PDBML (XML) file of the C-alpha atoms, coordinates in Angstrom:
<?xml version="1.0" encoding="UTF-8" ?>
<PDBx:datablock datablockName="MODEL"
   xmlns:PDBx="http://pdbml.pdb.org/schema/pdbx-v50.xsd"
   xmlns:xsi="http://www.w3.org/2001/XMLSchema-instance"
   xsi:schemaLocation="http://pdbml.pdb.org/schema/pdbx-v50.xsd pdbx-v50.xsd">
   <PDBx:atom_siteCategory>
      <PDBx:atom_site id="1">
         <PDBx:B_iso_or_equiv>0.00</PDBx:B_iso_or_equiv>
         <PDBx:Cartn_x>-0.234</PDBx:Cartn_x>
         <PDBx:Cartn_y>41.927</PDBx:Cartn_y>
         <PDBx:Cartn_z>94.920</PDBx:Cartn_z>
         <PDBx:auth_asym_id>A</PDBx:auth_asym_id>
         <PDBx:auth_atom_id>CA</PDBx:auth_atom_id>
         <PDBx:auth_comp_id>LEU</PDBx:auth_comp_id>
         <PDBx:auth_seq_id>1</PDBx:auth_seq_id>
         <PDBx:group_PDB>ATOM</PDBx:group_PDB>
         <PDBx:label_alt_id xsi:nil="true" />
         <PDBx:label_asym_id>A</PDBx:label_asym_id>
         <PDBx:label_atom_id>CA</PDBx:label_atom_id>
         <PDBx:label_comp_id>LEU</PDBx:label_comp_id>
         <PDBx:label_entity_id>1</PDBx:label_entity_id>
         <PDBx:label_seq_id>1</PDBx:label_seq_id>
         <PDBx:occupancy>1.00</PDBx:occupancy>
         <PDBx:pdbx_PDB_model_num>1</PDBx:pdbx_PDB_model_num>
         <PDBx:type_symbol>C</PDBx:type_symbol>
      </PDBx:atom_site>
      <PDBx:atom_site id="2">
         <PDBx:B_iso_or_equiv>0.00</PDBx:B_iso_or_equiv>
         <PDBx:Cartn_x>-0.233</PDBx:Cartn_x>
         <PDBx:Cartn_y>44.859</PDBx:Cartn_y>
         <PDBx:Cartn_z>97.300</PDBx:Cartn_z>
         <PDBx:auth_asym_id>A</PDBx:auth_asym_id>
         <PDBx:auth_atom_id>CA</PDBx:auth_atom_id>
         <PDBx:auth_comp_id>PRO</PDBx:auth_comp_id>
         <PDBx:auth_seq_id>2</PDBx:auth_seq_id>
         <PDBx:group_PDB>ATOM</PDBx:group_PDB>
         <PDBx:label_alt_id xsi:nil="true" />
         <PDBx:label_asym_id>A</PDBx:label_asym_id>
         <PDBx:label_atom_id>CA</PDBx:label_atom_id>
         <PDBx:label_comp_id>PRO</PDBx:label_comp_id>
         <PDBx:label_entity_id>1</PDBx:label_entity_id>
         <PDBx:label_seq_id>2</PDBx:label_seq_id>
         <PDBx:occupancy>1.00</PDBx:occupancy>
         <PDBx:pdbx_PDB_model_num>1</PDBx:pdbx_PDB_model_num>
         <PDBx:type_symbol>C</PDBx:type_symbol>
      </PDBx:atom_site>
      <PDBx:atom_site id="3">
         <PDBx:B_iso_or_equiv>0.00</PDBx:B_iso_or_equiv>
         <PDBx:Cartn_x>-3.550</PDBx:Cartn_x>
         <PDBx:Cartn_y>46.376</PDBx:Cartn_y>
         <PDBx:Cartn_z>98.569</PDBx:Cartn_z>
         <PDBx:auth_asym_id>A</PDBx:auth_asym_id>
         <PDBx:auth_atom_id>CA</PDBx:auth_atom_id>
         <PDBx:auth_comp_id>PRO</PDBx:auth_comp_id>
         <PDBx:auth_seq_id>3</PDBx:auth_seq_id>
         <PDBx:group_PDB>ATOM</PDBx:group_PDB>
         <PDBx:label_alt_id xsi:nil="true" />
         <PDBx:label_asym_id>A</PDBx:label_asym_id>
         <PDBx:label_atom_id>CA</PDBx:label_atom_id>
         <PDBx:label_comp_id>PRO</PDBx:label_comp_id>
         <PDBx:label_entity_id>1</PDBx:label_entity_id>
         <PDBx:label_seq_id>3</PDBx:label_seq_id>
         <PDBx:occupancy>1.00</PDBx:occupancy>
         <PDBx:pdbx_PDB_model_num>1</PDBx:pdbx_PDB_model_num>
         <PDBx:type_symbol>C</PDBx:type_symbol>
      </PDBx:atom_site>
      <PDBx:atom_site id="4">
         <PDBx:B_iso_or_equiv>0.00</PDBx:B_iso_or_equiv>
         <PDBx:Cartn_x>-3.451</PDBx:Cartn_x>
         <PDBx:Cartn_y>49.371</PDBx:Cartn_y>
         <PDBx:Cartn_z>96.228</PDBx:Cartn_z>
         <PDBx:auth_asym_id>A</PDBx:auth_asym_id>
         <PDBx:auth_atom_id>CA</PDBx:auth_atom_id>
         <PDBx:auth_comp_id>GLY</PDBx:auth_comp_id>
         <PDBx:auth_seq_id>4</PDBx:auth_seq_id>
         <PDBx:group_PDB>ATOM</PDBx:group_PDB>
         <PDBx:label_alt_id xsi:nil="true" />
         <PDBx:label_asym_id>A</PDBx:label_asym_id>
         <PDBx:label_atom_id>CA</PDBx:label_atom_id>
         <PDBx:label_comp_id>GLY</PDBx:label_comp_id>
         <PDBx:label_entity_id>1</PDBx:label_entity_id>
         <PDBx:label_seq_id>4</PDBx:label_seq_id>
         <PDBx:occupancy>1.00</PDBx:occupancy>
         <PDBx:pdbx_PDB_model_num>1</PDBx:pdbx_PDB_model_num>
         <PDBx:type_symbol>C</PDBx:type_symbol>
      </PDBx:atom_site>
      <PDBx:atom_site id="5">
         <PDBx:B_iso_or_equiv>0.00</PDBx:B_iso_or_equiv>
         <PDBx:Cartn_x>-3.645</PDBx:Cartn_x>
         <PDBx:Cartn_y>46.805</PDBx:Cartn_y>
         <PDBx:Cartn_z>93.277</PDBx:Cartn_z>
         <PDBx:auth_asym_id>A</PDBx:auth_asym_id>
         <PDBx:auth_atom_id>CA</PDBx:auth_atom_id>
         <PDBx:auth_comp_id>VAL</PDBx:auth_comp_id>
         <PDBx:auth_seq_id>5</PDBx:auth_seq_id>
         <PDBx:group_PDB>ATOM</PDBx:group_PDB>
         <PDBx:label_alt_id xsi:nil="true" />
         <PDBx:label_asym_id>A</PDBx:label_asym_id>
         <PDBx:label_atom_id>CA</PDBx:label_atom_id>
         <PDBx:label_comp_id>VAL</PDBx:label_comp_id>
         <PDBx:label_entity_id>1</PDBx:label_entity_id>
         <PDBx:label_seq_id>5</PDBx:label_seq_id>
         <PDBx:occupancy>1.00</PDBx:occupancy>
         <PDBx:pdbx_PDB_model_num>1</PDBx:pdbx_PDB_model_num>
         <PDBx:type_symbol>C</PDBx:type_symbol>
      </PDBx:atom_site>
      <PDBx:atom_site id="6">
         <PDBx:B_iso_or_equiv>0.00</PDBx:B_iso_or_equiv>
         <PDBx:Cartn_x>-6.475</PDBx:Cartn_x>
         <PDBx:Cartn_y>44.652</PDBx:Cartn_y>
         <PDBx:Cartn_z>94.682</PDBx:Cartn_z>
         <PDBx:auth_asym_id>A</PDBx:auth_asym_id>
         <PDBx:auth_atom_id>CA</PDBx:auth_atom_id>
         <PDBx:auth_comp_id>THR</PDBx:auth_comp_id>
         <PDBx:auth_seq_id>6</PDBx:auth_seq_id>
         <PDBx:group_PDB>ATOM</PDBx:group_PDB>
         <PDBx:label_alt_id xsi:nil="true" />
         <PDBx:label_asym_id>A</PDBx:label_asym_id>
         <PDBx:label_atom_id>CA</PDBx:label_atom_id>
         <PDBx:label_comp_id>THR</PDBx:label_comp_id>
         <PDBx:label_entity_id>1</PDBx:label_entity_id>
         <PDBx:label_seq_id>6</PDBx:label_seq_id>
         <PDBx:occupancy>1.00</PDBx:occupancy>
         <PDBx:pdbx_PDB_model_num>1</PDBx:pdbx_PDB_model_num>
         <PDBx:type_symbol>C</PDBx:type_symbol>
      </PDBx:atom_site>
      <PDBx:atom_site id="7">
         <PDBx:B_iso_or_equiv>0.00</PDBx:B_iso_or_equiv>
         <PDBx:Cartn_x>-9.163</PDBx:Cartn_x>
         <PDBx:Cartn_y>47.304</PDBx:Cartn_y>
         <PDBx:Cartn_z>94.563</PDBx:Cartn_z>
         <PDBx:auth_asym_id>A</PDBx:auth_asym_id>
         <PDBx:auth_atom_id>CA</PDBx:auth_atom_id>
         <PDBx:auth_comp_id>THR</PDBx:auth_comp_id>
         <PDBx:auth_seq_id>7</PDBx:auth_seq_id>
         <PDBx:group_PDB>ATOM</PDBx:group_PDB>
         <PDBx:label_alt_id xsi:nil="true" />
         <PDBx:label_asym_id>A</PDBx:label_asym_id>
         <PDBx:label_atom_id>CA</PDBx:label_atom_id>
         <PDBx:label_comp_id>THR</PDBx:label_comp_id>
         <PDBx:label_entity_id>1</PDBx:label_entity_id>
         <PDBx:label_seq_id>7</PDBx:label_seq_id>
         <PDBx:occupancy>1.00</PDBx:occupancy>
         <PDBx:pdbx_PDB_model_num>1</PDBx:pdbx_PDB_model_num>
         <PDBx:type_symbol>C</PDBx:type_symbol>
      </PDBx:atom_site>
      <PDBx:atom_site id="8">
         <PDBx:B_iso_or_equiv>0.00</PDBx:B_iso_or_equiv>
         <PDBx:Cartn_x>-9.973</PDBx:Cartn_x>
         <PDBx:Cartn_y>46.409</PDBx:Cartn_y>
         <PDBx:Cartn_z>91.006</PDBx:Cartn_z>
         <PDBx:auth_asym_id>A</PDBx:auth_asym_id>
         <PDBx:auth_atom_id>CA</PDBx:auth_atom_id>
         <PDBx:auth_comp_id>ALA</PDBx:auth_comp_id>
         <PDBx:auth_seq_id>8</PDBx:auth_seq_id>
         <PDBx:group_PDB>ATOM</PDBx:group_PDB>
         <PDBx:label_alt_id xsi:nil="true" />
         <PDBx:label_asym_id>A</PDBx:label_asym_id>
         <PDBx:label_atom_id>CA</PDBx:label_atom_id>
         <PDBx:label_comp_id>ALA</PDBx:label_comp_id>
         <PDBx:label_entity_id>1</PDBx:label_entity_id>
         <PDBx:label_seq_id>8</PDBx:label_seq_id>
         <PDBx:occupancy>1.00</PDBx:occupancy>
         <PDBx:pdbx_PDB_model_num>1</PDBx:pdbx_PDB_model_num>
         <PDBx:type_symbol>C</PDBx:type_symbol>
      </PDBx:atom_site>
      <PDBx:atom_site id="9">
         <PDBx:B_iso_or_equiv>0.00</PDBx:B_iso_or_equiv>
         <PDBx:Cartn_x>-12.734</PDBx:Cartn_x>
         <PDBx:Cartn_y>44.016</PDBx:Cartn_y>
         <PDBx:Cartn_z>90.076</PDBx:Cartn_z>
         <PDBx:auth_asym_id>A</PDBx:auth_asym_id>
         <PDBx:auth_atom_id>CA</PDBx:auth_atom_id>
         <PDBx:auth_comp_id>SER</PDBx:auth_comp_id>
         <PDBx:auth_seq_id>9</PDBx:auth_seq_id>
         <PDBx:group_PDB>ATOM</PDBx:group_PDB>
         <PDBx:label_alt_id xsi:nil="true" />
         <PDBx:label_asym_id>A</PDBx:label_asym_id>
         <PDBx:label_atom_id>CA</PDBx:label_atom_id>
         <PDBx:label_comp_id>SER</PDBx:label_comp_id>
         <PDBx:label_entity_id>1</PDBx:label_entity_id>
         <PDBx:label_seq_id>9</PDBx:label_seq_id>
         <PDBx:occupancy>1.00</PDBx:occupancy>
         <PDBx:pdbx_PDB_model_num>1</PDBx:pdbx_PDB_model_num>
         <PDBx:type_symbol>C</PDBx:type_symbol>
      </PDBx:atom_site>
      <PDBx:atom_site id="10">
         <PDBx:B_iso_or_equiv>0.00</PDBx:B_iso_or_equiv>
         <PDBx:Cartn_x>-12.787</PDBx:Cartn_x>
         <PDBx:Cartn_y>40.282</PDBx:Cartn_y>
         <PDBx:Cartn_z>90.474</PDBx:Cartn_z>
         <PDBx:auth_asym_id>A</PDBx:auth_asym_id>
         <PDBx:auth_atom_id>CA</PDBx:auth_atom_id>
         <PDBx:auth_comp_id>ALA</PDBx:auth_comp_id>
         <PDBx:auth_seq_id>10</PDBx:auth_seq_id>
         <PDBx:group_PDB>ATOM</PDBx:group_PDB>
         <PDBx:label_alt_id xsi:nil="true" />
         <PDBx:label_asym_id>A</PDBx:label_asym_id>
         <PDBx:label_atom_id>CA</PDBx:label_atom_id>
         <PDBx:label_comp_id>ALA</PDBx:label_comp_id>
         <PDBx:label_entity_id>1</PDBx:label_entity_id>
         <PDBx:label_seq_id>10</PDBx:label_seq_id>
         <PDBx:occupancy>1.00</PDBx:occupancy>
         <PDBx:pdbx_PDB_model_num>1</PDBx:pdbx_PDB_model_num>
         <PDBx:type_symbol>C</PDBx:type_symbol>
      </PDBx:atom_site>
      <PDBx:atom_site id="11">
         <PDBx:B_iso_or_equiv>0.00</PDBx:B_iso_or_equiv>
         <PDBx:Cartn_x>-12.006</PDBx:Cartn_x>
         <PDBx:Cartn_y>40.069</PDBx:Cartn_y>
         <PDBx:Cartn_z>86.642</PDBx:Cartn_z>
         <PDBx:auth_asym_id>A</PDBx:auth_asym_id>
         <PDBx:auth_atom_id>CA</PDBx:auth_atom_id>
         <PDBx:auth_comp_id>GLY</PDBx:auth_comp_id>
         <PDBx:auth_seq_id>11</PDBx:auth_seq_id>
         <PDBx:group_PDB>ATOM</PDBx:group_PDB>
         <PDBx:label_alt_id xsi:nil="true" />
         <PDBx:label_asym_id>A</PDBx:label_asym_id>
         <PDBx:label_atom_id>CA</PDBx:label_atom_id>
         <PDBx:label_comp_id>GLY</PDBx:label_comp_id>
         <PDBx:label_entity_id>1</PDBx:label_entity_id>
         <PDBx:label_seq_id>11</PDBx:label_seq_id>
         <PDBx:occupancy>1.00</PDBx:occupancy>
         <PDBx:pdbx_PDB_model_num>1</PDBx:pdbx_PDB_model_num>
         <PDBx:type_symbol>C</PDBx:type_symbol>
      </PDBx:atom_site>
      <PDBx:atom_site id="12">
         <PDBx:B_iso_or_equiv>0.00</PDBx:B_iso_or_equiv>
         <PDBx:Cartn_x>-8.554</PDBx:Cartn_x>
         <PDBx:Cartn_y>41.499</PDBx:Cartn_y>
         <PDBx:Cartn_z>87.194</PDBx:Cartn_z>
         <PDBx:auth_asym_id>A</PDBx:auth_asym_id>
         <PDBx:auth_atom_id>CA</PDBx:auth_atom_id>
         <PDBx:auth_comp_id>THR</PDBx:auth_comp_id>
         <PDBx:auth_seq_id>12</PDBx:auth_seq_id>
         <PDBx:group_PDB>ATOM</PDBx:group_PDB>
         <PDBx:label_alt_id xsi:nil="true" />
         <PDBx:label_asym_id>A</PDBx:label_asym_id>
         <PDBx:label_atom_id>CA</PDBx:label_atom_id>
         <PDBx:label_comp_id>THR</PDBx:label_comp_id>
         <PDBx:label_entity_id>1</PDBx:label_entity_id>
         <PDBx:label_seq_id>12</PDBx:label_seq_id>
         <PDBx:occupancy>1.00</PDBx:occupancy>
         <PDBx:pdbx_PDB_model_num>1</PDBx:pdbx_PDB_model_num>
         <PDBx:type_symbol>C</PDBx:type_symbol>
      </PDBx:atom_site>
      <PDBx:atom_site id="13">
         <PDBx:B_iso_or_equiv>0.00</PDBx:B_iso_or_equiv>
         <PDBx:Cartn_x>-8.130</PDBx:Cartn_x>
         <PDBx:Cartn_y>38.692</PDBx:Cartn_y>
         <PDBx:Cartn_z>89.645</PDBx:Cartn_z>
         <PDBx:auth_asym_id>A</PDBx:auth_asym_id>
         <PDBx:auth_atom_id>CA</PDBx:auth_atom_id>
         <PDBx:auth_comp_id>MET</PDBx:auth_comp_id>
         <PDBx:auth_seq_id>13</PDBx:auth_seq_id>
         <PDBx:group_PDB>ATOM</PDBx:group_PDB>
         <PDBx:label_alt_id xsi:nil="true" />
         <PDBx:label_asym_id>A</PDBx:label_asym_id>
         <PDBx:label_atom_id>CA</PDBx:label_atom_id>
         <PDBx:label_comp_id>MET</PDBx:label_comp_id>
         <PDBx:label_entity_id>1</PDBx:label_entity_id>
         <PDBx:label_seq_id>13</PDBx:label_seq_id>
         <PDBx:occupancy>1.00</PDBx:occupancy>
         <PDBx:pdbx_PDB_model_num>1</PDBx:pdbx_PDB_model_num>
         <PDBx:type_symbol>C</PDBx:type_symbol>
      </PDBx:atom_site>
      <PDBx:atom_site id="14">
         <PDBx:B_iso_or_equiv>0.00</PDBx:B_iso_or_equiv>
         <PDBx:Cartn_x>-9.421</PDBx:Cartn_x>
         <PDBx:Cartn_y>36.215</PDBx:Cartn_y>
         <PDBx:Cartn_z>87.113</PDBx:Cartn_z>
         <PDBx:auth_asym_id>A</PDBx:auth_asym_id>
         <PDBx:auth_atom_id>CA</PDBx:auth_atom_id>
         <PDBx:auth_comp_id>GLU</PDBx:auth_comp_id>
         <PDBx:auth_seq_id>14</PDBx:auth_seq_id>
         <PDBx:group_PDB>ATOM</PDBx:group_PDB>
         <PDBx:label_alt_id xsi:nil="true" />
         <PDBx:label_asym_id>A</PDBx:label_asym_id>
         <PDBx:label_atom_id>CA</PDBx:label_atom_id>
         <PDBx:label_comp_id>GLU</PDBx:label_comp_id>
         <PDBx:label_entity_id>1</PDBx:label_entity_id>
         <PDBx:label_seq_id>14</PDBx:label_seq_id>
         <PDBx:occupancy>1.00</PDBx:occupancy>
         <PDBx:pdbx_PDB_model_num>1</PDBx:pdbx_PDB_model_num>
         <PDBx:type_symbol>C</PDBx:type_symbol>
      </PDBx:atom_site>
      <PDBx:atom_site id="15">
         <PDBx:B_iso_or_equiv>0.00</PDBx:B_iso_or_equiv>
         <PDBx:Cartn_x>-6.953</PDBx:Cartn_x>
         <PDBx:Cartn_y>37.575</PDBx:Cartn_y>
         <PDBx:Cartn_z>84.508</PDBx:Cartn_z>
         <PDBx:auth_asym_id>A</PDBx:auth_asym_id>
         <PDBx:auth_atom_id>CA</PDBx:auth_atom_id>
         <PDBx:auth_comp_id>GLU</PDBx:auth_comp_id>
         <PDBx:auth_seq_id>15</PDBx:auth_seq_id>
         <PDBx:group_PDB>ATOM</PDBx:group_PDB>
         <PDBx:label_alt_id xsi:nil="true" />
         <PDBx:label_asym_id>A</PDBx:label_asym_id>
         <PDBx:label_atom_id>CA</PDBx:label_atom_id>
         <PDBx:label_comp_id>GLU</PDBx:label_comp_id>
         <PDBx:label_entity_id>1</PDBx:label_entity_id>
         <PDBx:label_seq_id>15</PDBx:label_seq_id>
         <PDBx:occupancy>1.00</PDBx:occupancy>
         <PDBx:pdbx_PDB_model_num>1</PDBx:pdbx_PDB_model_num>
         <PDBx:type_symbol>C</PDBx:type_symbol>
      </PDBx:atom_site>
      <PDBx:atom_site id="16">
         <PDBx:B_iso_or_equiv>0.00</PDBx:B_iso_or_equiv>
         <PDBx:Cartn_x>-3.997</PDBx:Cartn_x>
         <PDBx:Cartn_y>37.416</PDBx:Cartn_y>
         <PDBx:Cartn_z>86.843</PDBx:Cartn_z>
         <PDBx:auth_asym_id>A</PDBx:auth_asym_id>
         <PDBx:auth_atom_id>CA</PDBx:auth_atom_id>
         <PDBx:auth_comp_id>ALA</PDBx:auth_comp_id>
         <PDBx:auth_seq_id>16</PDBx:auth_seq_id>
         <PDBx:group_PDB>ATOM</PDBx:group_PDB>
         <PDBx:label_alt_id xsi:nil="true" />
         <PDBx:label_asym_id>A</PDBx:label_asym_id>
         <PDBx:label_atom_id>CA</PDBx:label_atom_id>
         <PDBx:label_comp_id>ALA</PDBx:label_comp_id>
         <PDBx:label_entity_id>1</PDBx:label_entity_id>
         <PDBx:label_seq_id>16</PDBx:label_seq_id>
         <PDBx:occupancy>1.00</PDBx:occupancy>
         <PDBx:pdbx_PDB_model_num>1</PDBx:pdbx_PDB_model_num>
         <PDBx:type_symbol>C</PDBx:type_symbol>
      </PDBx:atom_site>
      <PDBx:atom_site id="17">
         <PDBx:B_iso_or_equiv>0.00</PDBx:B_iso_or_equiv>
         <PDBx:Cartn_x>-4.781</PDBx:Cartn_x>
         <PDBx:Cartn_y>33.978</PDBx:Cartn_y>
         <PDBx:Cartn_z>87.750</PDBx:Cartn_z>
         <PDBx:auth_asym_id>A</PDBx:auth_asym_id>
         <PDBx:auth_atom_id>CA</PDBx:auth_atom_id>
         <PDBx:auth_comp_id>GLU</PDBx:auth_comp_id>
         <PDBx:auth_seq_id>17</PDBx:auth_seq_id>
         <PDBx:group_PDB>ATOM</PDBx:group_PDB>
         <PDBx:label_alt_id xsi:nil="true" />
         <PDBx:label_asym_id>A</PDBx:label_asym_id>
         <PDBx:label_atom_id>CA</PDBx:label_atom_id>
         <PDBx:label_comp_id>GLU</PDBx:label_comp_id>
         <PDBx:label_entity_id>1</PDBx:label_entity_id>
         <PDBx:label_seq_id>17</PDBx:label_seq_id>
         <PDBx:occupancy>1.00</PDBx:occupancy>
         <PDBx:pdbx_PDB_model_num>1</PDBx:pdbx_PDB_model_num>
         <PDBx:type_symbol>C</PDBx:type_symbol>
      </PDBx:atom_site>
      <PDBx:atom_site id="18">
         <PDBx:B_iso_or_equiv>0.00</PDBx:B_iso_or_equiv>
         <PDBx:Cartn_x>-5.021</PDBx:Cartn_x>
         <PDBx:Cartn_y>33.026</PDBx:Cartn_y>
         <PDBx:Cartn_z>83.994</PDBx:Cartn_z>
         <PDBx:auth_asym_id>A</PDBx:auth_asym_id>
         <PDBx:auth_atom_id>CA</PDBx:auth_atom_id>
         <PDBx:auth_comp_id>ILE</PDBx:auth_comp_id>
         <PDBx:auth_seq_id>18</PDBx:auth_seq_id>
         <PDBx:group_PDB>ATOM</PDBx:group_PDB>
         <PDBx:label_alt_id xsi:nil="true" />
         <PDBx:label_asym_id>A</PDBx:label_asym_id>
         <PDBx:label_atom_id>CA</PDBx:label_atom_id>
         <PDBx:label_comp_id>ILE</PDBx:label_comp_id>
         <PDBx:label_entity_id>1</PDBx:label_entity_id>
         <PDBx:label_seq_id>18</PDBx:label_seq_id>
         <PDBx:occupancy>1.00</PDBx:occupancy>
         <PDBx:pdbx_PDB_model_num>1</PDBx:pdbx_PDB_model_num>
         <PDBx:type_symbol>C</PDBx:type_symbol>
      </PDBx:atom_site>
      <PDBx:atom_site id="19">
         <PDBx:B_iso_or_equiv>0.00</PDBx:B_iso_or_equiv>
         <PDBx:Cartn_x>-1.688</PDBx:Cartn_x>
         <PDBx:Cartn_y>34.521</PDBx:Cartn_y>
         <PDBx:Cartn_z>83.264</PDBx:Cartn_z>
         <PDBx:auth_asym_id>A</PDBx:auth_asym_id>
         <PDBx:auth_atom_id>CA</PDBx:auth_atom_id>
         <PDBx:auth_comp_id>LEU</PDBx:auth_comp_id>
         <PDBx:auth_seq_id>19</PDBx:auth_seq_id>
         <PDBx:group_PDB>ATOM</PDBx:group_PDB>
         <PDBx:label_alt_id xsi:nil="true" />
         <PDBx:label_asym_id>A</PDBx:label_asym_id>
         <PDBx:label_atom_id>CA</PDBx:label_atom_id>
         <PDBx:label_comp_id>LEU</PDBx:label_comp_id>
         <PDBx:label_entity_id>1</PDBx:label_entity_id>
         <PDBx:label_seq_id>19</PDBx:label_seq_id>
         <PDBx:occupancy>1.00</PDBx:occupancy>
         <PDBx:pdbx_PDB_model_num>1</PDBx:pdbx_PDB_model_num>
         <PDBx:type_symbol>C</PDBx:type_symbol>
      </PDBx:atom_site>
      <PDBx:atom_site id="20">
         <PDBx:B_iso_or_equiv>0.00</PDBx:B_iso_or_equiv>
         <PDBx:Cartn_x>-0.107</PDBx:Cartn_x>
         <PDBx:Cartn_y>32.965</PDBx:Cartn_y>
         <PDBx:Cartn_z>86.206</PDBx:Cartn_z>
         <PDBx:auth_asym_id>A</PDBx:auth_asym_id>
         <PDBx:auth_atom_id>CA</PDBx:auth_atom_id>
         <PDBx:auth_comp_id>LEU</PDBx:auth_comp_id>
         <PDBx:auth_seq_id>20</PDBx:auth_seq_id>
         <PDBx:group_PDB>ATOM</PDBx:group_PDB>
         <PDBx:label_alt_id xsi:nil="true" />
         <PDBx:label_asym_id>A</PDBx:label_asym_id>
         <PDBx:label_atom_id>CA</PDBx:label_atom_id>
         <PDBx:label_comp_id>LEU</PDBx:label_comp_id>
         <PDBx:label_entity_id>1</PDBx:label_entity_id>
         <PDBx:label_seq_id>20</PDBx:label_seq_id>
         <PDBx:occupancy>1.00</PDBx:occupancy>
         <PDBx:pdbx_PDB_model_num>1</PDBx:pdbx_PDB_model_num>
         <PDBx:type_symbol>C</PDBx:type_symbol>
      </PDBx:atom_site>
      <PDBx:atom_site id="21">
         <PDBx:B_iso_or_equiv>0.00</PDBx:B_iso_or_equiv>
         <PDBx:Cartn_x>-1.417</PDBx:Cartn_x>
         <PDBx:Cartn_y>29.765</PDBx:Cartn_y>
         <PDBx:Cartn_z>85.072</PDBx:Cartn_z>
         <PDBx:auth_asym_id>A</PDBx:auth_asym_id>
         <PDBx:auth_atom_id>CA</PDBx:auth_atom_id>
         <PDBx:auth_comp_id>ALA</PDBx:auth_comp_id>
         <PDBx:auth_seq_id>21</PDBx:auth_seq_id>
         <PDBx:group_PDB>ATOM</PDBx:group_PDB>
         <PDBx:label_alt_id xsi:nil="true" />
         <PDBx:label_asym_id>A</PDBx:label_asym_id>
         <PDBx:label_atom_id>CA</PDBx:label_atom_id>
         <PDBx:label_comp_id>ALA</PDBx:label_comp_id>
         <PDBx:label_entity_id>1</PDBx:label_entity_id>
         <PDBx:label_seq_id>21</PDBx:label_seq_id>
         <PDBx:occupancy>1.00</PDBx:occupancy>
         <PDBx:pdbx_PDB_model_num>1</PDBx:pdbx_PDB_model_num>
         <PDBx:type_symbol>C</PDBx:type_symbol>
      </PDBx:atom_site>
      <PDBx:atom_site id="22">
         <PDBx:B_iso_or_equiv>0.00</PDBx:B_iso_or_equiv>
         <PDBx:Cartn_x>-0.082</PDBx:Cartn_x>
         <PDBx:Cartn_y>29.911</PDBx:Cartn_y>
         <PDBx:Cartn_z>81.612</PDBx:Cartn_z>
         <PDBx:auth_asym_id>A</PDBx:auth_asym_id>
         <PDBx:auth_atom_id>CA</PDBx:auth_atom_id>
         <PDBx:auth_comp_id>ARG</PDBx:auth_comp_id>
         <PDBx:auth_seq_id>22</PDBx:auth_seq_id>
         <PDBx:group_PDB>ATOM</PDBx:group_PDB>
         <PDBx:label_alt_id xsi:nil="true" />
         <PDBx:label_asym_id>A</PDBx:label_asym_id>
         <PDBx:label_atom_id>CA</PDBx:label_atom_id>
         <PDBx:label_comp_id>ARG</PDBx:label_comp_id>
         <PDBx:label_entity_id>1</PDBx:label_entity_id>
         <PDBx:label_seq_id>22</PDBx:label_seq_id>
         <PDBx:occupancy>1.00</PDBx:occupancy>
         <PDBx:pdbx_PDB_model_num>1</PDBx:pdbx_PDB_model_num>
         <PDBx:type_symbol>C</PDBx:type_symbol>
      </PDBx:atom_site>
      <PDBx:atom_site id="23">
         <PDBx:B_iso_or_equiv>0.00</PDBx:B_iso_or_equiv>
         <PDBx:Cartn_x>3.323</PDBx:Cartn_x>
         <PDBx:Cartn_y>31.105</PDBx:Cartn_y>
         <PDBx:Cartn_z>82.790</PDBx:Cartn_z>
         <PDBx:auth_asym_id>A</PDBx:auth_asym_id>
         <PDBx:auth_atom_id>CA</PDBx:auth_atom_id>
         <PDBx:auth_comp_id>ILE</PDBx:auth_comp_id>
         <PDBx:auth_seq_id>23</PDBx:auth_seq_id>
         <PDBx:group_PDB>ATOM</PDBx:group_PDB>
         <PDBx:label_alt_id xsi:nil="true" />
         <PDBx:label_asym_id>A</PDBx:label_asym_id>
         <PDBx:label_atom_id>CA</PDBx:label_atom_id>
         <PDBx:label_comp_id>ILE</PDBx:label_comp_id>
         <PDBx:label_entity_id>1</PDBx:label_entity_id>
         <PDBx:label_seq_id>23</PDBx:label_seq_id>
         <PDBx:occupancy>1.00</PDBx:occupancy>
         <PDBx:pdbx_PDB_model_num>1</PDBx:pdbx_PDB_model_num>
         <PDBx:type_symbol>C</PDBx:type_symbol>
      </PDBx:atom_site>
      <PDBx:atom_site id="24">
         <PDBx:B_iso_or_equiv>0.00</PDBx:B_iso_or_equiv>
         <PDBx:Cartn_x>3.387</PDBx:Cartn_x>
         <PDBx:Cartn_y>28.099</PDBx:Cartn_y>
         <PDBx:Cartn_z>85.412</PDBx:Cartn_z>
         <PDBx:auth_asym_id>A</PDBx:auth_asym_id>
         <PDBx:auth_atom_id>CA</PDBx:auth_atom_id>
         <PDBx:auth_comp_id>CYS</PDBx:auth_comp_id>
         <PDBx:auth_seq_id>24</PDBx:auth_seq_id>
         <PDBx:group_PDB>ATOM</PDBx:group_PDB>
         <PDBx:label_alt_id xsi:nil="true" />
         <PDBx:label_asym_id>A</PDBx:label_asym_id>
         <PDBx:label_atom_id>CA</PDBx:label_atom_id>
         <PDBx:label_comp_id>CYS</PDBx:label_comp_id>
         <PDBx:label_entity_id>1</PDBx:label_entity_id>
         <PDBx:label_seq_id>24</PDBx:label_seq_id>
         <PDBx:occupancy>1.00</PDBx:occupancy>
         <PDBx:pdbx_PDB_model_num>1</PDBx:pdbx_PDB_model_num>
         <PDBx:type_symbol>C</PDBx:type_symbol>
      </PDBx:atom_site>
      <PDBx:atom_site id="25">
         <PDBx:B_iso_or_equiv>0.00</PDBx:B_iso_or_equiv>
         <PDBx:Cartn_x>2.231</PDBx:Cartn_x>
         <PDBx:Cartn_y>25.683</PDBx:Cartn_y>
         <PDBx:Cartn_z>82.608</PDBx:Cartn_z>
         <PDBx:auth_asym_id>A</PDBx:auth_asym_id>
         <PDBx:auth_atom_id>CA</PDBx:auth_atom_id>
         <PDBx:auth_comp_id>GLU</PDBx:auth_comp_id>
         <PDBx:auth_seq_id>25</PDBx:auth_seq_id>
         <PDBx:group_PDB>ATOM</PDBx:group_PDB>
         <PDBx:label_alt_id xsi:nil="true" />
         <PDBx:label_asym_id>A</PDBx:label_asym_id>
         <PDBx:label_atom_id>CA</PDBx:label_atom_id>
         <PDBx:label_comp_id>GLU</PDBx:label_comp_id>
         <PDBx:label_entity_id>1</PDBx:label_entity_id>
         <PDBx:label_seq_id>25</PDBx:label_seq_id>
         <PDBx:occupancy>1.00</PDBx:occupancy>
         <PDBx:pdbx_PDB_model_num>1</PDBx:pdbx_PDB_model_num>
         <PDBx:type_symbol>C</PDBx:type_symbol>
      </PDBx:atom_site>
   </PDBx:atom_siteCategory>
</PDBx:datablock>
């Protein structure tokens, strides 16, 4: 994710991680 997208809160990162985990499963 580029710098402009990473200025959100840690929750956004957690959501992204959960979505990626589900996709990879």
